[in-house]
Amino acid sequence: MLNRFTLDNGLRVVHRYDSRTAMVAVDVMYDVGARDERRSLTGMAHLFEHLMFGGSANEPDFNGAIERAGGVNNAWTSPDFTNFYEVLPAQNIEAALRVESDRMLALSFNPQVLEVQRSVVIEEFKETVLNRPYGRAMHEIRSMLYHPSHPYSWPVIGLEPENIARVTDADVREWFYSHYAPDNAVLSVVGNVGPERLRELVEKWFADIPRRNIAARKMPAEVFQRSESSTGMWREITDRVPAPLILLAWPMAAYGQPGYTEADIITDLLSAGRASRLRRNLIARYPELLTDAEASIIGSEHEGMLLMDCRVTAGNTRENIVRARECLLNEAFALTVAGNITTHEMERAINRFEARHAAAEMSAVGMAQRLAAAEMHGEDPDIELKRRRRVTIDDIAACARDIFLRSDMATLIIKPE
């Protein structure tokens, strides 16, 4: 049973009591991400994830405080949200609530912390983008598919290291006081702490944090690029990679909108598990041509992307690249006809999701994050499972037609130098 309440300062709290465990997970999700950045200062949301561990008004050592309480902690940033979480013995929950409330109240704004974390994030950019094979793939495909004015046209890590290098103390303060506030957050708690005790502790540590003037989110009207070509947008680049990579991207629906769940099922049919279509029809059948064929979605609060990709094993020739791309497209187009989708495939896809859903139920952190996201959306935590159970084969085929038969798809080819 869920326990929900909202403090006078706007902090939304959702809680699930579980007496079967000695642990508790504490999750704080802020409604801020890369979509709130401006193009001249990209990567700010991700940098701020790092800065939130650099000390706050009354707690100079966040990690140390959690470790002394017997816990672990981490965080992540997406285009839409920034999330922080701890897992620790339930008897020490107050340690997590104390430090989370303190960094929601105010960071230390130590210039040395900013200098250190700028360097850390710049090195991360070099490691994951500049020096990793295919590391620029997401930069390229996002810039192809999305309009340049849209914040989804760059990845969470930012456009370039120079954006992070120019972040000032004034930028940090503006970002914090514009986004990090109780009325822009959800606190989620799962574990062995009762509802009355939790409310007492939450009010003790969070009730005095003031509301703030949250920056208005201004999303551009233009979302995707337009293409006049029947083959969509096409870009070829060279890089230090071992084999050609083919990456295809199509626009898809925003989270919670018609077509979102269907798009996710489509990618499950294509590449989830050994019996998936890409494994059976491509990797197993044409090992001399391609490998590592995958399909996935990047689901977002606004319009997202459906991706398909593979690496060409046959050699870096135009003929092989075109043939491998056609193989990917043929598998996508096959799903546009309902008669090509079997009941067994659909059942397998739904069963795989239900298995993942059930596994998340056994993880306090996974459950806490699911509850936080559901509270952020104002919906049932199990709504996605219910949506999938309602989807039919005809729905999948219709969604596949809407996605795969449009002209504004993007093709990115990364070839060896």
Protein backbone atom coordinates (compact mmCIF):
# COMPACT_ATOMS: atom_id res chain seq x y z
CA MET A 1 0.00 0.00 0.00
CA LEU A 2 1.31 3.42 -0.94
CA ASN A 3 1.49 6.33 1.45
CA ARG A 4 1.47 9.78 -0.15
CA PHE A 5 1.56 13.30 1.24
CA THR A 6 2.76 16.76 0.25
CA LEU A 7 4.49 19.27 2.51
CA ASP A 8 3.44 22.91 2.61
CA ASN A 9 6.57 23.81 0.64
CA GLY A 10 5.44 21.61 -2.24
CA LEU A 11 7.65 18.55 -1.69
CA ARG A 12 5.76 15.46 -2.84
CA VAL A 13 6.44 12.32 -0.83
CA VAL A 14 5.58 8.74 -1.80
CA HIS A 15 6.33 5.81 0.46
CA ARG A 16 6.00 2.03 0.47
CA TYR A 17 6.47 0.23 3.78
CA ASP A 18 8.18 -3.17 3.60
CA SER A 19 8.71 -4.98 6.90
CA ARG A 20 10.44 -7.94 5.20
CA THR A 21 13.72 -6.09 4.84
CA ALA A 22 16.15 -4.42 7.23
CA MET A 23 17.05 -1.82 4.60
CA VAL A 24 15.54 1.32 3.16
CA ALA A 25 15.99 3.13 -0.15
CA VAL A 26 15.70 6.91 -0.29
CA ASP A 27 15.28 8.55 -3.70
CA VAL A 28 15.04 12.24 -4.58
CA MET A 29 14.02 13.05 -8.15
CA TYR A 30 14.22 16.62 -9.43
CA ASP A 31 12.22 17.82 -12.42
CA VAL A 32 15.29 19.14 -14.20
CA GLY A 33 17.52 17.71 -16.90
CA ALA A 34 19.31 18.53 -20.12
CA ARG A 35 16.02 19.80 -21.62
CA ASP A 36 16.37 22.82 -19.30
CA GLU A 37 19.76 23.84 -20.73
CA ARG A 38 20.50 26.47 -23.34
CA ARG A 39 22.66 25.61 -26.31
CA SER A 40 25.53 27.83 -25.15
CA LEU A 41 25.81 25.99 -21.82
CA THR A 42 25.08 22.32 -22.47
CA GLY A 43 26.07 19.59 -20.02
CA MET A 44 24.98 21.75 -17.06
CA ALA A 45 22.47 19.24 -15.70
CA HIS A 46 25.07 16.47 -15.69
CA LEU A 47 27.71 18.73 -14.14
CA PHE A 48 25.24 19.58 -11.40
CA GLU A 49 24.74 15.92 -10.59
CA HIS A 50 28.45 15.89 -9.72
CA LEU A 51 28.31 19.19 -7.81
CA MET A 52 25.54 17.86 -5.56
CA PHE A 53 28.10 15.50 -4.02
CA GLY A 54 30.60 18.26 -3.34
CA GLY A 55 29.30 19.42 0.00
CA SER A 56 26.34 21.46 1.19
CA ALA A 57 25.60 24.16 3.72
CA ASN A 58 26.01 21.93 6.80
CA GLU A 59 27.48 18.70 5.37
CA PRO A 60 30.95 18.98 3.82
CA ASP A 61 31.26 15.24 3.08
CA PHE A 62 28.07 13.76 1.60
CA ASN A 63 29.56 10.39 0.66
CA GLY A 64 31.27 10.03 4.02
CA ALA A 65 28.02 10.70 5.89
CA ILE A 66 26.23 7.93 3.99
CA GLU A 67 29.12 5.49 4.32
CA ARG A 68 29.32 6.06 8.08
CA ALA A 69 25.61 5.15 8.23
CA GLY A 70 26.36 1.85 6.47
CA GLY A 71 24.92 2.93 3.14
CA VAL A 72 25.76 3.47 -0.51
CA ASN A 73 24.59 6.20 -2.84
CA ASN A 74 24.61 7.22 -6.47
CA ALA A 75 22.84 9.41 -9.02
CA TRP A 76 21.93 9.77 -12.69
CA THR A 77 20.92 12.50 -15.10
CA SER A 78 18.64 12.19 -18.12
CA PRO A 79 17.35 14.72 -20.64
CA ASP A 80 14.33 15.13 -18.37
CA PHE A 81 15.21 14.41 -14.73
CA THR A 82 18.07 14.32 -12.22
CA ASN A 83 17.90 11.57 -9.62
CA PHE A 84 19.78 10.86 -6.38
CA TYR A 85 19.44 7.77 -4.18
CA GLU A 86 20.77 6.01 -1.10
CA VAL A 87 20.38 2.50 0.31
CA LEU A 88 21.17 1.99 3.98
CA PRO A 89 19.99 0.17 7.12
CA ALA A 90 16.47 1.31 7.94
CA GLN A 91 17.52 2.31 11.44
CA ASN A 92 19.83 4.89 9.88
CA ILE A 93 17.32 6.44 7.47
CA GLU A 94 17.64 9.78 9.21
CA ALA A 95 21.21 10.10 7.92
CA ALA A 96 19.99 9.95 4.32
CA LEU A 97 17.11 12.37 4.92
CA ARG A 98 19.41 14.79 6.75
CA VAL A 99 22.01 15.04 3.99
CA GLU A 100 19.43 15.06 1.18
CA SER A 101 17.58 17.91 2.86
CA ASP A 102 20.80 19.84 3.39
CA ARG A 103 21.82 19.76 -0.26
CA MET A 104 18.27 20.68 -1.25
CA LEU A 105 18.54 23.63 1.12
CA ALA A 106 21.85 24.97 -0.24
CA LEU A 107 25.10 23.78 -1.72
CA SER A 108 28.38 24.98 -0.30
CA PHE A 109 29.12 26.75 -3.61
CA ASN A 110 32.80 26.12 -3.01
CA PRO A 111 34.83 27.37 -6.01
CA GLN A 112 37.32 24.53 -5.55
CA VAL A 113 34.52 21.97 -5.85
CA LEU A 114 33.38 23.56 -9.10
CA GLU A 115 36.94 23.51 -10.45
CA VAL A 116 37.41 19.85 -9.54
CA GLN A 117 34.06 18.68 -10.91
CA ARG A 118 34.51 20.66 -14.13
CA SER A 119 37.71 18.72 -14.68
CA VAL A 120 36.05 15.41 -13.82
CA VAL A 121 33.19 15.97 -16.28
CA ILE A 122 35.55 17.13 -19.03
CA GLU A 123 37.62 13.98 -18.57
CA GLU A 124 34.42 11.92 -18.67
CA PHE A 125 33.54 13.61 -21.97
CA LYS A 126 36.94 12.69 -23.38
CA GLU A 127 36.67 9.11 -22.14
CA THR A 128 33.10 8.37 -23.24
CA VAL A 129 32.85 10.50 -26.38
CA LEU A 130 36.16 11.55 -27.87
CA ASN A 131 38.27 8.50 -27.07
CA ARG A 132 35.69 5.70 -27.25
CA PRO A 133 34.89 3.92 -30.53
CA TYR A 134 31.52 5.17 -31.82
CA GLY A 135 31.46 7.64 -28.90
CA ARG A 136 30.13 10.47 -31.05
CA ALA A 137 27.23 8.43 -32.39
CA MET A 138 24.60 9.97 -30.11
CA HIS A 139 25.89 13.49 -30.73
CA GLU A 140 25.56 12.94 -34.46
CA ILE A 141 22.20 11.19 -34.55
CA ARG A 142 20.56 13.66 -32.16
CA SER A 143 21.80 16.60 -34.22
CA MET A 144 20.41 14.95 -37.35
CA LEU A 145 16.96 14.06 -36.07
CA TYR A 146 16.12 16.99 -33.78
CA HIS A 147 15.81 20.64 -34.72
CA PRO A 148 18.90 22.62 -33.57
CA SER A 149 16.74 24.74 -31.26
CA HIS A 150 15.48 21.69 -29.39
CA PRO A 151 17.40 20.58 -26.25
CA TYR A 152 17.15 16.92 -27.28
CA SER A 153 19.48 17.77 -30.17
CA TRP A 154 22.42 17.26 -27.79
CA PRO A 155 23.11 14.42 -25.32
CA VAL A 156 23.13 14.79 -21.55
CA ILE A 157 26.91 15.04 -21.39
CA GLY A 158 26.75 18.17 -23.54
CA LEU A 159 27.81 19.35 -26.96
CA GLU A 160 31.49 19.91 -26.24
CA PRO A 161 33.87 20.15 -23.26
CA GLU A 162 34.22 23.90 -23.78
CA ASN A 163 30.63 24.36 -22.56
CA ILE A 164 31.55 22.90 -19.18
CA ALA A 165 34.87 24.73 -19.04
CA ARG A 166 33.09 28.09 -19.16
CA VAL A 167 30.62 27.39 -16.31
CA THR A 168 30.96 30.08 -13.64
CA ASP A 169 29.97 30.28 -9.99
CA ALA A 170 27.11 32.57 -11.03
CA ASP A 171 25.88 29.90 -13.47
CA VAL A 172 25.94 27.31 -10.69
CA ARG A 173 23.97 29.47 -8.30
CA GLU A 174 21.40 30.37 -10.94
CA TRP A 175 20.89 26.71 -11.89
CA PHE A 176 20.54 25.61 -8.28
CA TYR A 177 18.04 28.24 -7.19
CA SER A 178 16.06 27.89 -10.42
CA HIS A 179 15.63 24.11 -10.27
CA TYR A 180 16.65 22.54 -6.96
CA ALA A 181 13.72 23.12 -4.66
CA PRO A 182 11.14 21.13 -2.69
CA ASP A 183 8.39 22.26 -5.06
CA ASN A 184 10.36 20.80 -7.99
CA ALA A 185 11.10 17.40 -6.45
CA VAL A 186 9.67 14.07 -5.37
CA LEU A 187 10.98 12.18 -2.34
CA SER A 188 10.41 8.43 -2.55
CA VAL A 189 11.12 5.97 0.28
CA VAL A 190 10.83 2.17 0.17
CA GLY A 191 11.73 -0.14 3.02
CA ASN A 192 11.35 -0.89 6.69
CA VAL A 193 10.12 2.41 8.03
CA GLY A 194 6.49 2.96 9.00
CA PRO A 195 4.34 5.78 7.60
CA GLU A 196 4.04 7.73 10.86
CA ARG A 197 7.76 7.61 11.57
CA LEU A 198 8.58 8.57 7.99
CA ARG A 199 6.27 11.57 8.01
CA GLU A 200 7.79 12.72 11.28
CA LEU A 201 11.31 12.55 9.85
CA VAL A 202 10.40 14.15 6.53
CA GLU A 203 8.74 17.09 8.24
CA LYS A 204 11.71 17.43 10.59
CA TRP A 205 14.29 17.65 7.80
CA PHE A 206 12.41 19.09 4.80
CA ALA A 207 9.51 21.23 6.01
CA ASP A 208 11.62 24.36 6.62
CA ILE A 209 13.18 24.42 3.15
CA PRO A 210 11.55 27.31 1.30
CA ARG A 211 9.78 27.12 -2.04
CA ARG A 212 11.65 28.70 -4.92
CA ASN A 213 10.84 30.41 -8.17
CA ILE A 214 11.24 27.48 -10.55
CA ALA A 215 12.44 28.55 -13.99
CA ALA A 216 9.71 28.27 -16.60
CA ARG A 217 10.42 25.54 -19.15
CA LYS A 218 10.31 26.86 -22.71
CA MET A 219 10.35 24.05 -25.23
CA PRO A 220 10.62 25.08 -28.90
CA ALA A 221 7.70 24.47 -31.22
CA GLU A 222 9.88 22.75 -33.82
CA VAL A 223 10.95 19.31 -32.67
CA PHE A 224 12.33 17.32 -35.59
CA GLN A 225 14.30 18.17 -38.71
CA ARG A 226 12.54 17.99 -42.07
CA SER A 227 13.75 15.91 -44.99
CA GLU A 228 12.78 16.26 -48.62
CA SER A 229 14.42 12.96 -49.57
CA SER A 230 12.52 9.67 -49.63
CA THR A 231 15.46 8.06 -47.82
CA GLY A 232 15.47 10.67 -45.06
CA MET A 233 18.57 12.37 -43.71
CA TRP A 234 21.92 10.71 -44.36
CA ARG A 235 25.32 11.43 -42.80
CA GLU A 236 28.63 9.61 -43.15
CA ILE A 237 31.64 10.30 -40.94
CA THR A 238 34.98 8.61 -40.34
CA ASP A 239 36.49 7.83 -36.95
CA ARG A 240 38.92 5.50 -35.21
CA VAL A 241 36.55 2.52 -35.22
CA PRO A 242 37.16 -1.15 -36.04
CA ALA A 243 34.19 -1.59 -38.40
CA PRO A 244 31.42 0.47 -40.00
CA LEU A 245 28.46 1.26 -37.75
CA ILE A 246 24.99 1.82 -39.20
CA LEU A 247 22.63 3.73 -36.92
CA LEU A 248 19.03 4.42 -37.98
CA ALA A 249 16.70 6.73 -36.04
CA TRP A 250 13.02 7.58 -36.35
CA PRO A 251 10.86 10.05 -34.39
CA MET A 252 8.47 8.44 -31.92
CA ALA A 253 5.83 9.51 -29.42
CA ALA A 254 6.50 11.15 -26.07
CA TYR A 255 6.15 9.20 -22.84
CA GLY A 256 2.54 8.41 -22.01
CA GLN A 257 1.26 9.38 -25.46
CA PRO A 258 -0.39 6.98 -27.93
CA GLY A 259 2.30 4.96 -29.66
CA TYR A 260 4.92 5.12 -26.90
CA THR A 261 4.26 1.70 -25.40
CA GLU A 262 3.81 0.20 -28.86
CA ALA A 263 7.21 1.56 -29.95
CA ASP A 264 8.85 -0.04 -26.94
CA ILE A 265 7.23 -3.38 -27.76
CA ILE A 266 8.41 -3.04 -31.37
CA THR A 267 12.03 -2.86 -30.23
CA ASP A 268 11.47 -5.85 -27.94
CA LEU A 269 10.16 -7.85 -30.90
CA LEU A 270 13.19 -6.82 -32.90
CA SER A 271 16.03 -7.40 -30.47
CA ALA A 272 15.06 -8.55 -26.96
CA GLY A 273 16.40 -12.05 -26.34
CA ARG A 274 17.90 -14.83 -28.42
CA ALA A 275 14.61 -15.50 -30.21
CA SER A 276 14.24 -11.90 -31.38
CA ARG A 277 13.93 -11.05 -35.07
CA LEU A 278 17.30 -9.38 -35.49
CA ARG A 279 19.11 -12.32 -33.93
CA ARG A 280 17.20 -14.97 -35.88
CA ASN A 281 16.86 -13.23 -39.22
CA LEU A 282 20.09 -11.22 -39.42
CA ILE A 283 22.87 -12.15 -37.02
CA ALA A 284 22.31 -15.90 -37.35
CA ARG A 285 21.61 -15.79 -41.08
CA TYR A 286 24.21 -13.25 -42.28
CA PRO A 287 27.19 -13.47 -39.88
CA GLU A 288 29.52 -12.69 -42.78
CA LEU A 289 27.72 -9.35 -43.33
CA LEU A 290 26.76 -7.88 -39.98
CA THR A 291 26.79 -8.34 -36.22
CA ASP A 292 25.58 -6.67 -33.01
CA ALA A 293 22.20 -5.77 -34.50
CA GLU A 294 20.06 -4.01 -31.89
CA ALA A 295 16.89 -1.95 -31.53
CA SER A 296 15.90 0.36 -28.68
CA ILE A 297 13.96 3.48 -27.81
CA ILE A 298 15.09 6.64 -26.13
CA GLY A 299 11.87 7.47 -24.36
CA SER A 300 11.46 11.04 -23.19
CA GLU A 301 8.95 13.46 -21.75
CA HIS A 302 8.74 14.99 -25.22
CA GLU A 303 9.06 13.23 -28.57
CA GLY A 304 11.73 10.52 -28.49
CA MET A 305 13.69 8.29 -30.85
CA LEU A 306 13.44 4.68 -32.00
CA LEU A 307 16.88 3.34 -32.95
CA MET A 308 18.19 0.38 -34.92
CA ASP A 309 21.88 -0.30 -35.46
CA CYS A 310 24.41 -2.90 -36.51
CA ARG A 311 28.10 -3.24 -37.26
CA VAL A 312 29.22 -4.36 -40.70
CA THR A 313 31.58 -7.34 -40.61
CA ALA A 314 31.97 -7.82 -44.35
CA GLY A 315 34.30 -4.90 -44.89
CA ASN A 316 34.20 -1.15 -45.32
CA THR A 317 32.65 -0.97 -48.78
CA ARG A 318 29.65 0.99 -50.01
CA GLU A 319 28.00 -2.20 -51.24
CA ASN A 320 28.23 -3.92 -47.85
CA ILE A 321 27.00 -0.87 -45.95
CA VAL A 322 23.99 -0.44 -48.23
CA ARG A 323 23.16 -4.14 -48.02
CA ALA A 324 23.37 -4.22 -44.22
CA ARG A 325 21.18 -1.11 -43.97
CA GLU A 326 18.59 -2.74 -46.22
CA CYS A 327 18.58 -5.79 -43.94
CA LEU A 328 17.75 -3.60 -40.95
CA LEU A 329 15.03 -1.77 -42.85
CA ASN A 330 13.47 -4.99 -44.08
CA GLU A 331 13.04 -6.18 -40.50
CA ALA A 332 11.47 -2.86 -39.55
CA PHE A 333 9.11 -2.85 -42.53
CA ALA A 334 8.01 -6.45 -41.84
CA LEU A 335 6.37 -5.25 -38.63
CA THR A 336 4.11 -2.83 -40.52
CA VAL A 337 1.93 -5.77 -41.59
CA ALA A 338 -0.08 -7.28 -38.74
CA GLY A 339 -0.06 -10.70 -40.39
CA ASN A 340 3.71 -10.85 -39.98
CA ILE A 341 3.51 -10.68 -36.17
CA THR A 342 2.70 -13.86 -34.31
CA THR A 343 0.74 -14.20 -31.10
CA HIS A 344 3.68 -16.11 -29.64
CA GLU A 345 6.02 -13.17 -30.31
CA MET A 346 3.66 -10.76 -28.61
CA GLU A 347 3.23 -13.01 -25.60
CA ARG A 348 6.98 -13.42 -25.28
CA ALA A 349 7.53 -9.65 -25.39
CA ILE A 350 4.86 -9.03 -22.72
CA ASN A 351 6.22 -11.84 -20.56
CA ARG A 352 9.74 -10.43 -20.72
CA PHE A 353 8.47 -7.04 -19.57
CA GLU A 354 6.45 -8.61 -16.76
CA ALA A 355 9.58 -10.49 -15.62
CA ARG A 356 11.55 -7.24 -15.50
CA HIS A 357 8.66 -5.54 -13.73
CA ALA A 358 8.55 -8.30 -11.11
CA ALA A 359 12.32 -8.16 -10.62
CA ALA A 360 12.09 -4.42 -9.97
CA GLU A 361 9.53 -5.15 -7.26
CA MET A 362 12.28 -6.99 -5.38
CA SER A 363 14.71 -4.08 -5.58
CA ALA A 364 14.11 -1.29 -3.09
CA VAL A 365 16.05 1.17 -5.27
CA GLY A 366 14.22 0.13 -8.42
CA MET A 367 10.87 0.44 -6.69
CA ALA A 368 11.74 3.80 -5.14
CA GLN A 369 12.69 5.20 -8.54
CA ARG A 370 9.57 3.80 -10.18
CA LEU A 371 7.41 5.39 -7.46
CA ALA A 372 9.23 8.72 -7.84
CA ALA A 373 8.74 8.71 -11.62
CA ALA A 374 5.07 7.78 -11.28
CA GLU A 375 4.53 10.57 -8.76
CA MET A 376 6.29 12.99 -11.10
CA HIS A 377 3.90 11.93 -13.86
CA GLY A 378 0.86 11.79 -11.58
CA GLU A 379 0.06 8.21 -12.52
CA ASP A 380 -0.22 4.64 -11.25
CA PRO A 381 3.25 3.05 -10.74
CA ASP A 382 2.02 -0.04 -12.60
CA ILE A 383 0.46 1.87 -15.51
CA GLU A 384 3.04 0.79 -18.09
CA LEU A 385 2.39 -2.88 -17.34
CA LYS A 386 -1.34 -2.29 -17.73
CA ARG A 387 -0.81 -0.43 -21.00
CA ARG A 388 1.21 -3.32 -22.44
CA ARG A 389 -1.46 -5.83 -21.59
CA ARG A 390 -3.95 -3.81 -23.65
CA VAL A 391 -1.79 -3.59 -26.79
CA THR A 392 -2.83 -5.76 -29.75
CA ILE A 393 -0.98 -7.03 -32.80
CA ASP A 394 -2.93 -4.57 -34.94
CA ASP A 395 -1.79 -1.74 -32.64
CA ILE A 396 1.83 -2.77 -33.14
CA ALA A 397 1.49 -2.87 -36.93
CA ALA A 398 -0.22 0.53 -36.99
CA CYS A 399 2.51 2.06 -34.83
CA ALA A 400 5.21 0.48 -37.00
CA ARG A 401 3.63 2.09 -40.06
CA ASP A 402 3.50 5.47 -38.32
CA ILE A 403 7.19 5.24 -37.42
CA PHE A 404 8.96 3.35 -40.17
CA LEU A 405 7.11 4.68 -43.21
CA ARG A 406 7.79 8.36 -42.55
CA SER A 407 10.41 10.27 -44.53
CA ASP A 408 12.13 12.11 -41.66
CA MET A 409 14.26 9.18 -40.52
CA ALA A 410 18.01 9.59 -40.06
CA THR A 411 20.82 7.31 -41.23
CA LEU A 412 24.25 7.70 -39.65
CA ILE A 413 27.23 5.75 -41.00
CA ILE A 414 30.48 5.78 -38.98
CA LYS A 415 33.30 4.33 -41.07
CA PRO A 416 36.89 3.46 -40.14
CA GLU A 417 39.44 6.11 -40.99
